[in-house]
Protein backbone atom coordinates (compact mmCIF):
# COMPACT_ATOMS: atom_id res chain seq x y z
CA MET A 1 49.78 3.17 5.01
CA VAL A 2 46.03 3.47 4.48
CA TYR A 3 44.41 6.88 4.05
CA LEU A 4 40.80 6.91 5.17
CA PHE A 5 39.98 10.45 4.10
CA ALA A 6 39.13 11.19 0.49
CA ARG A 7 38.18 14.50 -1.11
CA THR A 8 36.69 13.43 -4.41
CA HIS A 9 34.68 10.56 -5.74
CA SER A 10 37.69 9.16 -7.61
CA ALA A 11 39.81 9.38 -4.49
CA THR A 12 37.11 7.56 -2.53
CA LEU A 13 37.00 4.82 -5.12
CA TRP A 14 40.80 4.57 -5.06
CA THR A 15 40.75 4.34 -1.25
CA LEU A 16 38.17 1.55 -1.36
CA LEU A 17 40.24 -0.37 -3.90
CA LEU A 18 43.33 0.09 -1.75
CA LEU A 19 41.48 -1.13 1.34
CA GLN A 20 40.04 -4.07 -0.58
CA ASN A 21 43.55 -5.20 -1.48
CA LEU A 22 44.80 -4.81 2.08
CA VAL A 23 41.94 -6.59 3.79
CA THR A 24 41.99 -10.30 3.10
CA ILE A 25 39.55 -12.80 4.41
CA LYS A 26 41.33 -15.76 5.91
CA THR A 27 39.60 -19.05 6.34
CA PHE A 28 39.73 -20.81 9.65
CA GLU A 29 40.00 -24.55 9.29
CA VAL A 30 39.11 -27.00 12.01
CA TYR A 31 40.95 -30.33 12.00
CA TRP A 32 39.44 -33.50 13.44
CA ASN A 33 42.16 -35.88 14.55
CA ILE A 34 40.50 -38.37 16.81
CA PRO A 35 40.79 -42.10 16.05
CA THR A 36 37.03 -42.37 15.55
CA PHE A 37 37.44 -45.36 13.25
CA MET A 38 37.31 -47.40 16.46
CA CYS A 39 33.79 -46.07 17.14
CA ASN A 40 32.38 -47.57 13.95
CA GLN A 41 32.18 -51.02 15.55
CA PHE A 42 29.73 -49.56 18.08
CA GLY A 43 27.56 -47.93 15.43
CA PHE A 44 28.92 -44.41 15.76
CA ASP A 45 29.81 -42.86 12.42
CA PHE A 46 31.78 -39.64 12.46
CA GLY A 47 32.26 -39.54 8.69
CA GLY A 48 29.61 -36.85 8.36
CA VAL A 49 31.48 -34.39 10.57
CA ASN A 50 33.47 -33.07 7.65
CA ARG A 51 30.45 -32.86 5.34
CA THR A 52 28.17 -31.16 7.88
CA TYR A 53 30.63 -28.78 9.50
CA SER A 54 33.42 -28.47 6.90
CA VAL A 55 35.85 -30.05 9.33
CA VAL A 56 39.06 -31.46 7.84
CA GLN A 57 39.63 -35.07 8.81
CA ASN A 58 41.57 -38.08 7.57
CA LYS A 59 39.92 -40.50 5.17
CA ASN A 60 38.27 -43.43 6.94
CA ASP A 61 38.63 -41.66 10.31
CA THR A 62 42.22 -42.87 10.66
CA PHE A 63 44.48 -41.33 13.27
CA ARG A 64 47.31 -40.58 10.83
CA GLY A 65 46.26 -40.12 7.26
CA ASN A 66 45.96 -37.81 4.30
CA ALA A 67 44.97 -34.63 6.18
CA VAL A 68 46.56 -34.79 9.65
CA ALA A 69 49.51 -36.62 11.15
CA ILE A 70 50.56 -36.17 14.77
CA LEU A 71 53.96 -37.50 15.79
CA TYR A 72 54.27 -38.06 19.53
CA ASP A 73 57.81 -37.61 20.85
CA PRO A 74 59.49 -38.53 17.54
CA GLY A 75 63.23 -38.86 17.25
CA LYS A 76 65.33 -38.75 20.34
CA PHE A 77 64.50 -35.42 21.94
CA PRO A 78 66.56 -34.87 25.08
CA ALA A 79 64.40 -35.68 28.08
CA LEU A 80 64.40 -36.54 31.74
CA LEU A 81 62.33 -39.68 31.99
CA GLU A 82 61.12 -41.47 35.08
CA LYS A 83 61.99 -45.10 35.78
CA PRO A 84 58.64 -46.57 36.85
CA SER A 85 60.21 -49.04 39.28
CA THR A 86 62.25 -46.50 41.24
CA LYS A 87 60.51 -43.19 40.39
CA THR A 88 63.97 -41.72 39.70
CA LEU A 89 64.82 -39.62 36.67
CA TYR A 90 67.28 -40.70 34.00
CA LYS A 91 68.63 -38.77 31.03
CA ARG A 92 67.65 -39.61 27.48
CA ASN A 93 70.02 -38.04 24.94
CA GLY A 94 71.67 -35.74 27.46
CA GLY A 95 68.49 -34.95 29.38
CA VAL A 96 68.35 -31.28 28.37
CA PRO A 97 68.55 -29.71 24.92
CA GLN A 98 71.99 -28.13 25.29
CA GLU A 99 73.45 -31.57 26.10
CA GLY A 100 71.62 -33.53 23.41
CA ASN A 101 73.14 -35.10 20.33
CA LEU A 102 71.32 -33.27 17.54
CA THR A 103 72.66 -35.56 14.78
CA GLU A 104 71.43 -38.69 16.56
CA HIS A 105 68.06 -37.08 17.25
CA LEU A 106 67.58 -36.07 13.61
CA GLU A 107 68.57 -39.51 12.27
CA ILE A 108 65.99 -41.20 14.49
CA PHE A 109 63.46 -38.44 13.80
CA GLU A 110 63.74 -39.03 10.05
CA ARG A 111 63.26 -42.78 10.54
CA HIS A 112 60.16 -42.17 12.70
CA LEU A 113 58.79 -39.69 10.17
CA ASN A 114 59.19 -42.16 7.30
CA GLU A 115 57.54 -44.94 9.33
CA LEU A 116 54.62 -42.87 10.61
CA VAL A 117 53.99 -40.78 7.48
CA PRO A 118 55.01 -43.10 4.64
CA ASP A 119 53.32 -41.05 1.89
CA ARG A 120 56.16 -39.00 0.41
CA ASN A 121 53.53 -36.73 -1.19
CA PHE A 122 51.75 -35.99 2.11
CA SER A 123 50.36 -32.47 1.91
CA GLY A 124 48.30 -32.29 5.10
CA ILE A 125 49.41 -30.79 8.39
CA GLY A 126 52.02 -32.50 10.49
CA ILE A 127 52.26 -31.90 14.22
CA ILE A 128 55.24 -32.69 16.39
CA ASP A 129 53.98 -33.24 19.92
CA PHE A 130 56.59 -33.48 22.62
CA GLU A 131 55.81 -32.54 26.15
CA SER A 132 58.99 -33.42 28.01
CA TRP A 133 60.15 -29.81 28.27
CA ARG A 134 59.23 -26.39 26.97
CA PRO A 135 61.58 -24.67 24.52
CA ILE A 136 61.57 -21.43 26.54
CA TYR A 137 63.66 -21.90 29.69
CA ARG A 138 61.55 -19.76 32.03
CA GLN A 139 58.45 -21.79 31.14
CA ASN A 140 59.87 -24.98 32.65
CA PHE A 141 58.30 -24.83 36.09
CA GLY A 142 56.27 -27.16 38.27
CA SER A 143 56.83 -30.74 37.13
CA LEU A 144 59.36 -29.43 34.57
CA GLN A 145 61.57 -27.78 37.22
CA PRO A 146 64.17 -30.60 36.99
CA TYR A 147 65.02 -29.33 33.49
CA LYS A 148 65.85 -25.90 34.86
CA ASP A 149 67.80 -27.39 37.76
CA LEU A 150 69.87 -29.64 35.49
CA SER A 151 70.49 -26.81 33.01
CA VAL A 152 71.78 -24.53 35.77
CA LYS A 153 73.95 -27.35 37.19
CA ILE A 154 75.54 -28.00 33.78
CA GLU A 155 76.20 -24.31 33.16
CA LYS A 156 77.61 -23.86 36.70
CA GLU A 157 80.12 -26.62 35.91
CA ARG A 158 81.11 -24.75 32.73
CA HIS A 159 81.17 -21.34 34.44
CA PRO A 160 81.85 -21.97 38.15
CA TYR A 161 82.21 -18.29 39.05
CA TRP A 162 78.93 -17.14 37.53
CA SER A 163 75.93 -16.62 39.82
CA THR A 164 72.72 -18.52 39.11
CA SER A 165 70.97 -15.35 37.99
CA HIS A 166 73.87 -14.55 35.64
CA LEU A 167 73.74 -18.09 34.24
CA GLU A 168 70.02 -17.82 33.60
CA ARG A 169 70.50 -14.44 31.94
CA GLU A 170 73.70 -15.01 29.93
CA GLY A 171 74.28 -18.76 29.65
CA PRO A 172 73.39 -20.91 26.64
CA ILE A 173 70.44 -22.46 28.45
CA ASP A 174 67.95 -21.26 25.81
CA ASP A 175 70.16 -22.07 22.79
CA GLY A 176 69.71 -25.85 22.65
CA PRO A 177 65.91 -25.92 22.38
CA ASP A 178 65.93 -23.67 19.32
CA ASP A 179 68.36 -25.97 17.49
CA ILE A 180 66.38 -29.10 18.30
CA ALA A 181 62.94 -27.64 17.57
CA VAL A 182 63.85 -25.86 14.33
CA ASP A 183 65.97 -28.69 12.94
CA SER A 184 63.15 -31.17 13.66
CA GLU A 185 60.80 -29.39 11.26
CA PRO A 186 60.51 -31.69 8.24
CA SER A 187 61.28 -30.07 4.92
CA GLY A 188 60.54 -31.92 1.75
CA HIS A 189 59.71 -35.19 3.54
């Protein structure tokens, strides 16, 4: 608790010291992760971006490097993917998180991580980018509606007497995404 009223000079000084310890200035870092190394052949040099604007970027403008590494759809996240020839959906690793094989996903994830970020001492930021589904059930709408539909179908098979609203409220629909997302966070790569 911070007291803003002080009666004496010493109390005012104490209050200022207390406030000084509570208020911390956080830096805001901007990361540049665009494969601008390809622009060099056309005479565009983006190397000065970090010097001029204090932007953090990988050495030599590489896409994955010492400062930033983005992993697109690493591992074997459950997903509903479209067959280009037929425009029909098929299930990868169960299709939805609660049906996925977490062990298989993590084994493949680790292999992808070691291939894409080979530096075991990497100390930059790593970003896992998967866009197949959203970890929060209610946020899967629009083009992601098939995830909700399949989740409800699976849970209806497990609990045939539950209403759809009861399934969405009480069923384990939101449990799978937490397991997959949290367990995919690299620790001690």
